[in-house]
Amino acid sequence: MIFKLGHSINQQISAPDNKGVELFIKREDEIHPFVSGNKYRKLKYNLLEAKKNGFKTLLTFGGAFSNHIAAVASAGNLLGFKTIGIIRGEELEDKIFDNETLSFAKQNGMQFKFVSRRDYRDKTTEAFLAKLKEVFNDFYLIPEGGTNNLAIKGCEEILTEADNVFDYICCAVGTGGTISGLINCSKPGQQVLGFPALKGTFLRQDISKFVARTNWDLITSYHFGGYAKINEALVTFINQFKKINGIPLDPVYTGKMMFGIFDLINKDYFEKGSKILVIHTGGLQGIKGMNLVLKNKNLSIIE
């Protein structure tokens, strides 16, 4: 344990009627108020590695509403690391305090470097990283979204022996680290389903680098147009889900995933008698920022 944690429990939730399935959600969002869900899992061994090797600074990447940026800033503040965020979008530099995520990260001590979207695409190249070393000296590098071998090791700890009873394990997918860990620790006979928040087919190749098993699939029909895209139907679903179950969902990841799961249940995708476990990966900090976007579009907000 690297700092005090809450408890992750499996909570049964209401599934669509007369479909013969049982639906549970693993409340990983309750692990920690700011380093919650898969962010804690991904950061755990990276932070231990950084501390073991004497690093004082963490450097990572993200966009304007990045759960990862917020989590790294908070974890760094708790553990005494200096943190640096390389942020996609130069136009955000003078709008830090108009953005809930960036404002929170700054309050937790994160230093920012804003780069153009074009330059951001080069963030993994040796030339780009060398320039960062010139500016910031020595740092422990955490990839965008946190996905690397140590992150997957952490995500392999999400499932416990009590979860062996489930037929399906479902999670939202961003960079592929969480689902990779779930696949690696899943049991024979379990099917792992990922619900990508992004458009495109690249995730299958990314995930395949970290897993050897074949008991998984990506359900690619519920991204709502792409990362951070949202509409009235999704907002209505998220609000109704919270009203019925008392569980908040975020609009970028868990809301889209749960919308997809309910739609698949209604379409009889899951066999009768199936037990489904949904992983709540947190990300609730993004709700405030998304509500500002929704207000500006005169759309309903997430309650």
C-alpha atoms as a PDB file:
ATOM      1  CA  MET A   1       0.000   0.000   0.000  1.00  0.00           C
ATOM      2  CA  ILE A   2       1.431   3.360  -1.000  1.00  0.00           C
ATOM      3  CA  PHE A   3      -1.222   5.514   0.663  1.00  0.00           C
ATOM      4  CA  LYS A   4      -4.482   4.935   2.496  1.00  0.00           C
ATOM      5  CA  LEU A   5      -7.173   3.292   0.377  1.00  0.00           C
ATOM      6  CA  GLY A   6     -10.882   2.680   0.547  1.00  0.00           C
ATOM      7  CA  HIS A   7     -12.593  -0.599  -0.289  1.00  0.00           C
ATOM      8  CA  SER A   8     -13.580  -2.000  -3.677  1.00  0.00           C
ATOM      9  CA  ILE A   9     -16.775  -4.046  -3.330  1.00  0.00           C
ATOM     10  CA  ASN A  10     -19.046  -5.833  -5.793  1.00  0.00           C
ATOM     11  CA  GLN A  11     -22.483  -4.243  -5.780  1.00  0.00           C
ATOM     12  CA  GLN A  12     -25.463  -5.786  -7.545  1.00  0.00           C
ATOM     13  CA  ILE A  13     -27.296  -3.400  -9.842  1.00  0.00           C
ATOM     14  CA  SER A  14     -30.613  -3.464 -11.639  1.00  0.00           C
ATOM     15  CA  ALA A  15     -30.431  -5.163 -15.031  1.00  0.00           C
ATOM     16  CA  PRO A  16     -33.074  -4.890 -17.751  1.00  0.00           C
ATOM     17  CA  ASP A  17     -36.117  -6.972 -16.773  1.00  0.00           C
ATOM     18  CA  ASN A  18     -36.853 -10.495 -17.976  1.00  0.00           C
ATOM     19  CA  LYS A  19     -33.463 -11.071 -19.564  1.00  0.00           C
ATOM     20  CA  GLY A  20     -32.253 -13.642 -17.059  1.00  0.00           C
ATOM     21  CA  VAL A  21     -28.857 -12.148 -16.270  1.00  0.00           C
ATOM     22  CA  GLU A  22     -27.289 -10.948 -13.015  1.00  0.00           C
ATOM     23  CA  LEU A  23     -25.342  -7.709 -13.143  1.00  0.00           C
ATOM     24  CA  PHE A  24     -22.740  -6.560 -10.614  1.00  0.00           C
ATOM     25  CA  ILE A  25     -20.378  -3.584 -10.547  1.00  0.00           C
ATOM     26  CA  LYS A  26     -16.957  -3.597  -8.859  1.00  0.00           C
ATOM     27  CA  ARG A  27     -16.656  -0.216  -7.149  1.00  0.00           C
ATOM     28  CA  GLU A  28     -13.031   0.538  -7.968  1.00  0.00           C
ATOM     29  CA  ASP A  29     -14.082   4.208  -7.978  1.00  0.00           C
ATOM     30  CA  GLU A  30     -14.199   4.058  -4.168  1.00  0.00           C
ATOM     31  CA  ILE A  31     -10.525   3.086  -3.728  1.00  0.00           C
ATOM     32  CA  HIS A  32      -9.466   6.732  -3.351  1.00  0.00           C
ATOM     33  CA  PRO A  33     -11.240  10.063  -3.939  1.00  0.00           C
ATOM     34  CA  PHE A  34      -8.641  11.339  -6.452  1.00  0.00           C
ATOM     35  CA  VAL A  35      -6.439   8.379  -7.428  1.00  0.00           C
ATOM     36  CA  SER A  36      -9.391   6.088  -8.005  1.00  0.00           C
ATOM     37  CA  GLY A  37     -10.204   3.023 -10.023  1.00  0.00           C
ATOM     38  CA  ASN A  38      -7.774   1.910 -12.684  1.00  0.00           C
ATOM     39  CA  LYS A  39      -5.606   5.003 -12.125  1.00  0.00           C
ATOM     40  CA  TYR A  40      -4.521   3.705  -8.733  1.00  0.00           C
ATOM     41  CA  ARG A  41      -3.962   0.252 -10.209  1.00  0.00           C
ATOM     42  CA  LYS A  42      -1.849   1.624 -13.066  1.00  0.00           C
ATOM     43  CA  LEU A  43       0.188   3.960 -10.896  1.00  0.00           C
ATOM     44  CA  LYS A  44       0.856   1.659  -7.931  1.00  0.00           C
ATOM     45  CA  TYR A  45       3.912  -0.197  -9.225  1.00  0.00           C
ATOM     46  CA  ASN A  46       5.143   2.747 -11.293  1.00  0.00           C
ATOM     47  CA  LEU A  47       5.257   4.912  -8.164  1.00  0.00           C
ATOM     48  CA  LEU A  48       7.000   2.176  -6.185  1.00  0.00           C
ATOM     49  CA  GLU A  49       9.539   1.793  -9.000  1.00  0.00           C
ATOM     50  CA  ALA A  50      10.160   5.539  -9.182  1.00  0.00           C
ATOM     51  CA  LYS A  51      10.699   5.740  -5.420  1.00  0.00           C
ATOM     52  CA  LYS A  52      12.944   2.660  -5.362  1.00  0.00           C
ATOM     53  CA  ASN A  53      15.192   4.183  -8.024  1.00  0.00           C
ATOM     54  CA  GLY A  54      15.433   7.557  -6.350  1.00  0.00           C
ATOM     55  CA  PHE A  55      13.433   9.652  -8.797  1.00  0.00           C
ATOM     56  CA  LYS A  56      12.060  12.917  -7.434  1.00  0.00           C
ATOM     57  CA  THR A  57      10.006  13.917 -10.483  1.00  0.00           C
ATOM     58  CA  LEU A  58       7.208  12.221 -12.430  1.00  0.00           C
ATOM     59  CA  LEU A  59       6.485  13.310 -16.007  1.00  0.00           C
ATOM     60  CA  THR A  60       3.467  12.245 -18.009  1.00  0.00           C
ATOM     61  CA  PHE A  61       1.068  13.271 -20.794  1.00  0.00           C
ATOM     62  CA  GLY A  62      -2.621  14.019 -21.199  1.00  0.00           C
ATOM     63  CA  GLY A  63      -5.410  16.185 -22.536  1.00  0.00           C
ATOM     64  CA  ALA A  64      -7.680  18.816 -21.049  1.00  0.00           C
ATOM     65  CA  PHE A  65      -9.975  16.394 -19.173  1.00  0.00           C
ATOM     66  CA  SER A  66      -7.470  13.618 -18.490  1.00  0.00           C
ATOM     67  CA  ASN A  67      -8.231  11.447 -15.450  1.00  0.00           C
ATOM     68  CA  HIS A  68      -4.616  10.318 -15.649  1.00  0.00           C
ATOM     69  CA  ILE A  69      -3.242  13.877 -15.319  1.00  0.00           C
ATOM     70  CA  ALA A  70      -5.425  14.512 -12.262  1.00  0.00           C
ATOM     71  CA  ALA A  71      -4.436  11.198 -10.669  1.00  0.00           C
ATOM     72  CA  VAL A  72      -0.685  11.643 -11.228  1.00  0.00           C
ATOM     73  CA  ALA A  73      -0.816  15.152  -9.762  1.00  0.00           C
ATOM     74  CA  SER A  74      -2.701  13.949  -6.689  1.00  0.00           C
ATOM     75  CA  ALA A  75      -0.525  10.852  -6.159  1.00  0.00           C
ATOM     76  CA  GLY A  76       2.641  12.905  -6.591  1.00  0.00           C
ATOM     77  CA  ASN A  77       1.436  15.427  -4.043  1.00  0.00           C
ATOM     78  CA  LEU A  78       0.593  12.658  -1.545  1.00  0.00           C
ATOM     79  CA  LEU A  79       3.952  10.920  -1.949  1.00  0.00           C
ATOM     80  CA  GLY A  80       6.266  13.921  -2.287  1.00  0.00           C
ATOM     81  CA  PHE A  81       7.056  13.738  -6.002  1.00  0.00           C
ATOM     82  CA  LYS A  82       7.326  16.786  -8.229  1.00  0.00           C
ATOM     83  CA  THR A  83       4.975  16.276 -11.181  1.00  0.00           C
ATOM     84  CA  ILE A  84       5.074  17.562 -14.744  1.00  0.00           C
ATOM     85  CA  GLY A  85       2.223  17.290 -17.230  1.00  0.00           C
ATOM     86  CA  ILE A  86       2.783  17.610 -20.977  1.00  0.00           C
ATOM     87  CA  ILE A  87      -0.638  18.826 -22.103  1.00  0.00           C
ATOM     88  CA  ARG A  88      -2.112  18.467 -25.590  1.00  0.00           C
ATOM     89  CA  GLY A  89      -3.282  21.865 -26.898  1.00  0.00           C
ATOM     90  CA  GLU A  90      -1.352  25.126 -26.710  1.00  0.00           C
ATOM     91  CA  GLU A  91      -4.607  27.086 -26.490  1.00  0.00           C
ATOM     92  CA  LEU A  92      -5.150  25.747 -22.957  1.00  0.00           C
ATOM     93  CA  GLU A  93      -2.155  27.550 -21.491  1.00  0.00           C
ATOM     94  CA  ASP A  94      -4.095  30.652 -20.469  1.00  0.00           C
ATOM     95  CA  LYS A  95      -7.256  28.704 -19.539  1.00  0.00           C
ATOM     96  CA  ILE A  96      -5.963  26.557 -16.691  1.00  0.00           C
ATOM     97  CA  PHE A  97      -8.381  27.908 -14.125  1.00  0.00           C
ATOM     98  CA  ASP A  98     -11.302  27.559 -16.548  1.00  0.00           C
ATOM     99  CA  ASN A  99     -10.639  23.834 -16.686  1.00  0.00           C
ATOM    100  CA  GLU A 100     -11.544  21.671 -13.679  1.00  0.00           C
ATOM    101  CA  THR A 101      -8.951  18.976 -14.396  1.00  0.00           C
ATOM    102  CA  LEU A 102      -6.005  21.286 -15.038  1.00  0.00           C
ATOM    103  CA  SER A 103      -6.952  23.519 -12.130  1.00  0.00           C
ATOM    104  CA  PHE A 104      -7.053  20.508  -9.795  1.00  0.00           C
ATOM    105  CA  ALA A 105      -3.694  19.255 -11.074  1.00  0.00           C
ATOM    106  CA  LYS A 106      -2.093  22.666 -10.593  1.00  0.00           C
ATOM    107  CA  GLN A 107      -3.465  22.909  -7.057  1.00  0.00           C
ATOM    108  CA  ASN A 108      -1.719  19.600  -6.411  1.00  0.00           C
ATOM    109  CA  GLY A 109       1.584  21.043  -7.567  1.00  0.00           C
ATOM    110  CA  MET A 110       1.773  19.875 -11.172  1.00  0.00           C
ATOM    111  CA  GLN A 111       3.881  21.960 -13.563  1.00  0.00           C
ATOM    112  CA  PHE A 112       2.606  22.112 -17.148  1.00  0.00           C
ATOM    113  CA  LYS A 113       4.123  22.286 -20.595  1.00  0.00           C
ATOM    114  CA  PHE A 114       1.551  22.882 -23.320  1.00  0.00           C
ATOM    115  CA  VAL A 115       2.327  21.592 -26.807  1.00  0.00           C
ATOM    116  CA  SER A 116       0.543  21.690 -30.137  1.00  0.00           C
ATOM    117  CA  ARG A 117      -1.523  18.709 -31.200  1.00  0.00           C
ATOM    118  CA  ARG A 118       0.936  18.088 -33.998  1.00  0.00           C
ATOM    119  CA  ASP A 119       3.930  18.000 -31.643  1.00  0.00           C
ATOM    120  CA  TYR A 120       1.967  15.909 -29.144  1.00  0.00           C
ATOM    121  CA  ARG A 121       1.744  13.092 -31.690  1.00  0.00           C
ATOM    122  CA  ASP A 122       5.548  12.798 -31.429  1.00  0.00           C
ATOM    123  CA  LYS A 123       5.523  12.386 -27.638  1.00  0.00           C
ATOM    124  CA  THR A 124       6.947   8.857 -27.704  1.00  0.00           C
ATOM    125  CA  THR A 125       9.852   9.612 -30.055  1.00  0.00           C
ATOM    126  CA  GLU A 126      13.437   9.762 -28.791  1.00  0.00           C
ATOM    127  CA  ALA A 127      13.867  13.306 -30.154  1.00  0.00           C
ATOM    128  CA  PHE A 128      10.791  14.610 -28.278  1.00  0.00           C
ATOM    129  CA  LEU A 129      11.830  12.941 -25.026  1.00  0.00           C
ATOM    130  CA  ALA A 130      15.385  14.216 -25.375  1.00  0.00           C
ATOM    131  CA  LYS A 131      14.067  17.800 -25.565  1.00  0.00           C
ATOM    132  CA  LEU A 132      12.052  17.199 -22.401  1.00  0.00           C
ATOM    133  CA  LYS A 133      15.201  15.947 -20.635  1.00  0.00           C
ATOM    134  CA  GLU A 134      16.986  19.161 -21.610  1.00  0.00           C
ATOM    135  CA  VAL A 135      14.228  21.240 -20.023  1.00  0.00           C
ATOM    136  CA  PHE A 136      13.291  19.164 -16.976  1.00  0.00           C
ATOM    137  CA  ASN A 137      16.465  17.128 -16.321  1.00  0.00           C
ATOM    138  CA  ASP A 138      15.927  13.695 -14.781  1.00  0.00           C
ATOM    139  CA  PHE A 139      12.383  12.332 -14.425  1.00  0.00           C
ATOM    140  CA  TYR A 140      10.454   9.077 -14.208  1.00  0.00           C
ATOM    141  CA  LEU A 141       8.394   8.751 -17.374  1.00  0.00           C
ATOM    142  CA  ILE A 142       4.817   7.515 -17.146  1.00  0.00           C
ATOM    143  CA  PRO A 143       3.111   7.019 -20.542  1.00  0.00           C
ATOM    144  CA  GLU A 144      -0.135   8.715 -21.525  1.00  0.00           C
ATOM    145  CA  GLY A 145      -2.944   6.902 -19.742  1.00  0.00           C
ATOM    146  CA  GLY A 146      -0.347   5.146 -17.584  1.00  0.00           C
ATOM    147  CA  THR A 147      -0.190   1.948 -19.635  1.00  0.00           C
ATOM    148  CA  ASN A 148       3.055  -0.023 -19.427  1.00  0.00           C
ATOM    149  CA  ASN A 149       4.106  -3.407 -18.013  1.00  0.00           C
ATOM    150  CA  LEU A 150       4.031  -2.144 -14.417  1.00  0.00           C
ATOM    151  CA  ALA A 151       0.551  -0.683 -14.949  1.00  0.00           C
ATOM    152  CA  ILE A 152      -0.714  -4.010 -16.252  1.00  0.00           C
ATOM    153  CA  LYS A 153       0.807  -5.752 -13.223  1.00  0.00           C
ATOM    154  CA  GLY A 154      -1.314  -3.460 -11.048  1.00  0.00           C
ATOM    155  CA  CYS A 155      -4.454  -4.077 -13.098  1.00  0.00           C
ATOM    156  CA  GLU A 156      -3.951  -7.825 -12.698  1.00  0.00           C
ATOM    157  CA  GLU A 157      -4.862  -7.264  -9.034  1.00  0.00           C
ATOM    158  CA  ILE A 158      -8.375  -5.964  -9.784  1.00  0.00           C
ATOM    159  CA  LEU A 159     -10.017  -9.399  -9.841  1.00  0.00           C
ATOM    160  CA  THR A 160     -10.094 -11.563  -6.715  1.00  0.00           C
ATOM    161  CA  GLU A 161     -11.007 -15.189  -6.042  1.00  0.00           C
ATOM    162  CA  ALA A 162     -14.554 -14.065  -5.259  1.00  0.00           C
ATOM    163  CA  ASP A 163     -14.868 -12.940  -8.890  1.00  0.00           C
ATOM    164  CA  ASN A 164     -14.349 -16.455 -10.272  1.00  0.00           C
ATOM    165  CA  VAL A 165     -18.141 -16.935 -10.301  1.00  0.00           C
ATOM    166  CA  PHE A 166     -18.652 -14.414 -13.122  1.00  0.00           C
ATOM    167  CA  ASP A 167     -19.042 -15.442 -16.748  1.00  0.00           C
ATOM    168  CA  TYR A 168     -18.271 -12.007 -18.199  1.00  0.00           C
ATOM    169  CA  ILE A 169     -15.889  -9.257 -17.068  1.00  0.00           C
ATOM    170  CA  CYS A 170     -16.588  -5.877 -18.689  1.00  0.00           C
ATOM    171  CA  CYS A 171     -14.540  -2.681 -18.643  1.00  0.00           C
ATOM    172  CA  ALA A 172     -14.133   0.584 -20.493  1.00  0.00           C
ATOM    173  CA  VAL A 173     -11.024   0.879 -22.654  1.00  0.00           C
ATOM    174  CA  GLY A 174      -8.786   3.907 -23.200  1.00  0.00           C
ATOM    175  CA  THR A 175      -5.176   2.902 -23.809  1.00  0.00           C
ATOM    176  CA  GLY A 176      -5.726  -0.822 -23.200  1.00  0.00           C
ATOM    177  CA  GLY A 177      -3.833  -1.298 -19.942  1.00  0.00           C
ATOM    178  CA  THR A 178      -6.778  -2.138 -17.709  1.00  0.00           C
ATOM    179  CA  ILE A 179      -8.316  -4.727 -20.002  1.00  0.00           C
ATOM    180  CA  SER A 180      -4.886  -6.306 -20.525  1.00  0.00           C
ATOM    181  CA  GLY A 181      -4.524  -6.810 -16.787  1.00  0.00           C
ATOM    182  CA  LEU A 182      -8.054  -8.220 -16.547  1.00  0.00           C
ATOM    183  CA  ILE A 183      -7.405 -10.668 -19.383  1.00  0.00           C
ATOM    184  CA  ASN A 184      -4.194 -11.861 -17.752  1.00  0.00           C
ATOM    185  CA  CYS A 185      -5.868 -12.543 -14.405  1.00  0.00           C
ATOM    186  CA  SER A 186      -9.184 -13.876 -15.751  1.00  0.00           C
ATOM    187  CA  LYS A 187     -10.096 -17.532 -15.222  1.00  0.00           C
ATOM    188  CA  PRO A 188     -10.760 -20.262 -17.815  1.00  0.00           C
ATOM    189  CA  GLY A 189     -14.315 -19.932 -19.045  1.00  0.00           C
ATOM    190  CA  GLN A 190     -14.541 -16.197 -18.392  1.00  0.00           C
ATOM    191  CA  GLN A 191     -14.989 -13.787 -21.297  1.00  0.00           C
ATOM    192  CA  VAL A 192     -13.494 -10.290 -20.996  1.00  0.00           C
ATOM    193  CA  LEU A 193     -15.270  -7.545 -22.959  1.00  0.00           C
ATOM    194  CA  GLY A 194     -13.800  -4.103 -23.536  1.00  0.00           C
ATOM    195  CA  PHE A 195     -15.777  -1.010 -24.526  1.00  0.00           C
ATOM    196  CA  PRO A 196     -13.428   1.491 -26.226  1.00  0.00           C
ATOM    197  CA  ALA A 197     -14.009   5.207 -25.726  1.00  0.00           C
ATOM    198  CA  LEU A 198     -12.063   5.933 -28.928  1.00  0.00           C
ATOM    199  CA  LYS A 199     -12.754   5.171 -32.573  1.00  0.00           C
ATOM    200  CA  GLY A 200     -10.346   3.026 -34.538  1.00  0.00           C
ATOM    201  CA  THR A 201      -8.927  -0.502 -34.639  1.00  0.00           C
ATOM    202  CA  PHE A 202      -5.446   0.171 -33.229  1.00  0.00           C
ATOM    203  CA  LEU A 203      -6.390  -0.957 -29.708  1.00  0.00           C
ATOM    204  CA  ARG A 204      -6.537  -4.629 -30.668  1.00  0.00           C
ATOM    205  CA  GLN A 205      -2.860  -4.555 -31.624  1.00  0.00           C
ATOM    206  CA  ASP A 206      -1.915  -2.580 -28.517  1.00  0.00           C
ATOM    207  CA  ILE A 207      -3.677  -5.040 -26.217  1.00  0.00           C
ATOM    208  CA  SER A 208      -2.228  -8.048 -28.022  1.00  0.00           C
ATOM    209  CA  LYS A 209       1.274  -6.885 -27.047  1.00  0.00           C
ATOM    210  CA  PHE A 210       0.466  -7.502 -23.373  1.00  0.00           C
ATOM    211  CA  VAL A 211      -1.699 -10.641 -23.442  1.00  0.00           C
ATOM    212  CA  ALA A 212      -1.395 -14.205 -24.686  1.00  0.00           C
ATOM    213  CA  ARG A 213      -4.969 -15.334 -24.066  1.00  0.00           C
ATOM    214  CA  THR A 214      -7.822 -15.168 -26.576  1.00  0.00           C
ATOM    215  CA  ASN A 215     -10.826 -14.965 -24.201  1.00  0.00           C
ATOM    216  CA  TRP A 216     -11.511 -11.310 -24.952  1.00  0.00           C
ATOM    217  CA  ASP A 217     -13.166  -9.028 -27.443  1.00  0.00           C
ATOM    218  CA  LEU A 218     -13.721  -5.325 -28.032  1.00  0.00           C
ATOM    219  CA  ILE A 219     -17.264  -3.998 -28.447  1.00  0.00           C
ATOM    220  CA  THR A 220     -16.698  -0.979 -30.665  1.00  0.00           C
ATOM    221  CA  SER A 221     -20.238   0.332 -31.198  1.00  0.00           C
ATOM    222  CA  TYR A 222     -20.599   2.560 -28.133  1.00  0.00           C
ATOM    223  CA  HIS A 223     -18.001   5.344 -28.439  1.00  0.00           C
ATOM    224  CA  PHE A 224     -20.730   7.903 -29.323  1.00  0.00           C
ATOM    225  CA  GLY A 225     -18.617   9.425 -32.079  1.00  0.00           C
ATOM    226  CA  GLY A 226     -15.217   9.339 -30.389  1.00  0.00           C
ATOM    227  CA  TYR A 227     -13.318  10.280 -27.273  1.00  0.00           C
ATOM    228  CA  ALA A 228     -15.172  12.767 -25.049  1.00  0.00           C
ATOM    229  CA  LYS A 229     -18.112  12.913 -27.495  1.00  0.00           C
ATOM    230  CA  ILE A 230     -21.514  12.815 -25.806  1.00  0.00           C
ATOM    231  CA  ASN A 231     -25.211  13.321 -26.572  1.00  0.00           C
ATOM    232  CA  GLU A 232     -28.558  13.704 -24.797  1.00  0.00           C
ATOM    233  CA  ALA A 233     -29.281   9.963 -24.845  1.00  0.00           C
ATOM    234  CA  LEU A 234     -26.076   9.214 -22.954  1.00  0.00           C
ATOM    235  CA  VAL A 235     -26.652  11.989 -20.390  1.00  0.00           C
ATOM    236  CA  THR A 236     -30.199  10.734 -19.808  1.00  0.00           C
ATOM    237  CA  PHE A 237     -28.926   7.175 -19.323  1.00  0.00           C
ATOM    238  CA  ILE A 238     -26.205   8.242 -16.857  1.00  0.00           C
ATOM    239  CA  ASN A 239     -28.663  10.288 -14.802  1.00  0.00           C
ATOM    240  CA  GLN A 240     -31.266   7.517 -14.783  1.00  0.00           C
ATOM    241  CA  PHE A 241     -28.667   4.909 -13.816  1.00  0.00           C
ATOM    242  CA  LYS A 242     -27.550   7.013 -10.853  1.00  0.00           C
ATOM    243  CA  LYS A 243     -31.149   7.619  -9.772  1.00  0.00           C
ATOM    244  CA  ILE A 244     -31.935   3.886  -9.762  1.00  0.00           C
ATOM    245  CA  ASN A 245     -28.650   2.471  -8.461  1.00  0.00           C
ATOM    246  CA  GLY A 246     -27.077   5.367  -6.549  1.00  0.00           C
ATOM    247  CA  ILE A 247     -23.869   5.008  -8.560  1.00  0.00           C
ATOM    248  CA  PRO A 248     -22.360   7.867 -10.610  1.00  0.00           C
ATOM    249  CA  LEU A 249     -20.862   7.139 -14.022  1.00  0.00           C
ATOM    250  CA  ASP A 250     -18.500   9.350 -15.994  1.00  0.00           C
ATOM    251  CA  PRO A 251     -19.449  10.420 -19.548  1.00  0.00           C
ATOM    252  CA  VAL A 252     -16.200   9.428 -21.289  1.00  0.00           C
ATOM    253  CA  TYR A 253     -15.659   5.853 -20.112  1.00  0.00           C
ATOM    254  CA  THR A 254     -17.980   4.124 -17.650  1.00  0.00           C
ATOM    255  CA  GLY A 255     -21.175   5.799 -18.876  1.00  0.00           C
ATOM    256  CA  LYS A 256     -20.623   4.635 -22.453  1.00  0.00           C
ATOM    257  CA  MET A 257     -19.627   1.160 -21.299  1.00  0.00           C
ATOM    258  CA  MET A 258     -22.730   0.738 -19.141  1.00  0.00           C
ATOM    259  CA  PHE A 259     -24.967   2.101 -21.903  1.00  0.00           C
ATOM    260  CA  GLY A 260     -23.485  -0.547 -24.190  1.00  0.00           C
ATOM    261  CA  ILE A 261     -23.925  -3.346 -21.653  1.00  0.00           C
ATOM    262  CA  PHE A 262     -27.605  -2.500 -21.144  1.00  0.00           C
ATOM    263  CA  ASP A 263     -28.128  -2.368 -24.906  1.00  0.00           C
ATOM    264  CA  LEU A 264     -26.454  -5.765 -25.355  1.00  0.00           C
ATOM    265  CA  ILE A 265     -28.560  -7.273 -22.562  1.00  0.00           C
ATOM    266  CA  ASN A 266     -31.715  -5.992 -24.269  1.00  0.00           C
ATOM    267  CA  LYS A 267     -30.504  -7.537 -27.538  1.00  0.00           C
ATOM    268  CA  ASP A 268     -29.946 -10.932 -25.830  1.00  0.00           C
ATOM    269  CA  TYR A 269     -26.185 -10.838 -26.383  1.00  0.00           C
ATOM    270  CA  PHE A 270     -25.621 -12.567 -23.025  1.00  0.00           C
ATOM    271  CA  GLU A 271     -26.943 -16.075 -22.394  1.00  0.00           C
ATOM    272  CA  LYS A 272     -29.708 -16.441 -19.815  1.00  0.00           C
ATOM    273  CA  GLY A 273     -28.244 -17.245 -16.433  1.00  0.00           C
ATOM    274  CA  SER A 274     -25.054 -15.254 -17.119  1.00  0.00           C
ATOM    275  CA  LYS A 275     -23.359 -13.408 -14.296  1.00  0.00           C
ATOM    276  CA  ILE A 276     -21.734 -10.174 -15.470  1.00  0.00           C
ATOM    277  CA  LEU A 277     -19.159  -8.148 -13.534  1.00  0.00           C
ATOM    278  CA  VAL A 278     -18.617  -4.547 -14.635  1.00  0.00           C
ATOM    279  CA  ILE A 279     -15.451  -2.741 -13.518  1.00  0.00           C
ATOM    280  CA  HIS A 280     -16.079   0.855 -12.405  1.00  0.00           C
ATOM    281  CA  THR A 281     -12.772   2.486 -13.339  1.00  0.00           C
ATOM    282  CA  GLY A 282     -13.466   5.838 -11.694  1.00  0.00           C
ATOM    283  CA  GLY A 283     -12.918   8.975 -13.766  1.00  0.00           C
ATOM    284  CA  LEU A 284     -15.649  10.910 -11.989  1.00  0.00           C
ATOM    285  CA  GLN A 285     -13.503  14.052 -11.809  1.00  0.00           C
ATOM    286  CA  GLY A 286     -14.273  14.600 -15.494  1.00  0.00           C
ATOM    287  CA  ILE A 287     -17.973  15.210 -14.880  1.00  0.00           C
ATOM    288  CA  LYS A 288     -17.554  18.864 -13.868  1.00  0.00           C
ATOM    289  CA  GLY A 289     -15.590  19.711 -16.991  1.00  0.00           C
ATOM    290  CA  MET A 290     -18.020  17.886 -19.253  1.00  0.00           C
ATOM    291  CA  ASN A 291     -20.955  19.698 -17.655  1.00  0.00           C
ATOM    292  CA  LEU A 292     -19.392  23.023 -18.651  1.00  0.00           C
ATOM    293  CA  VAL A 293     -19.245  21.788 -22.242  1.00  0.00           C
ATOM    294  CA  LEU A 294     -22.859  20.624 -22.069  1.00  0.00           C
ATOM    295  CA  LYS A 295     -24.026  23.941 -20.626  1.00  0.00           C
ATOM    296  CA  ASN A 296     -22.298  25.827 -23.435  1.00  0.00           C
ATOM    297  CA  LYS A 297     -24.232  23.672 -25.921  1.00  0.00           C
ATOM    298  CA  ASN A 298     -27.503  24.221 -24.025  1.00  0.00           C
ATOM    299  CA  LEU A 299     -27.749  20.484 -23.314  1.00  0.00           C
ATOM    300  CA  SER A 300     -28.835  18.704 -20.136  1.00  0.00           C
ATOM    301  CA  ILE A 301     -26.077  18.206 -17.582  1.00  0.00           C
ATOM    302  CA  ILE A 302     -24.951  15.138 -15.638  1.00  0.00           C
ATOM    303  CA  GLU A 303     -26.529  15.237 -12.182  1.00  0.00           C
END
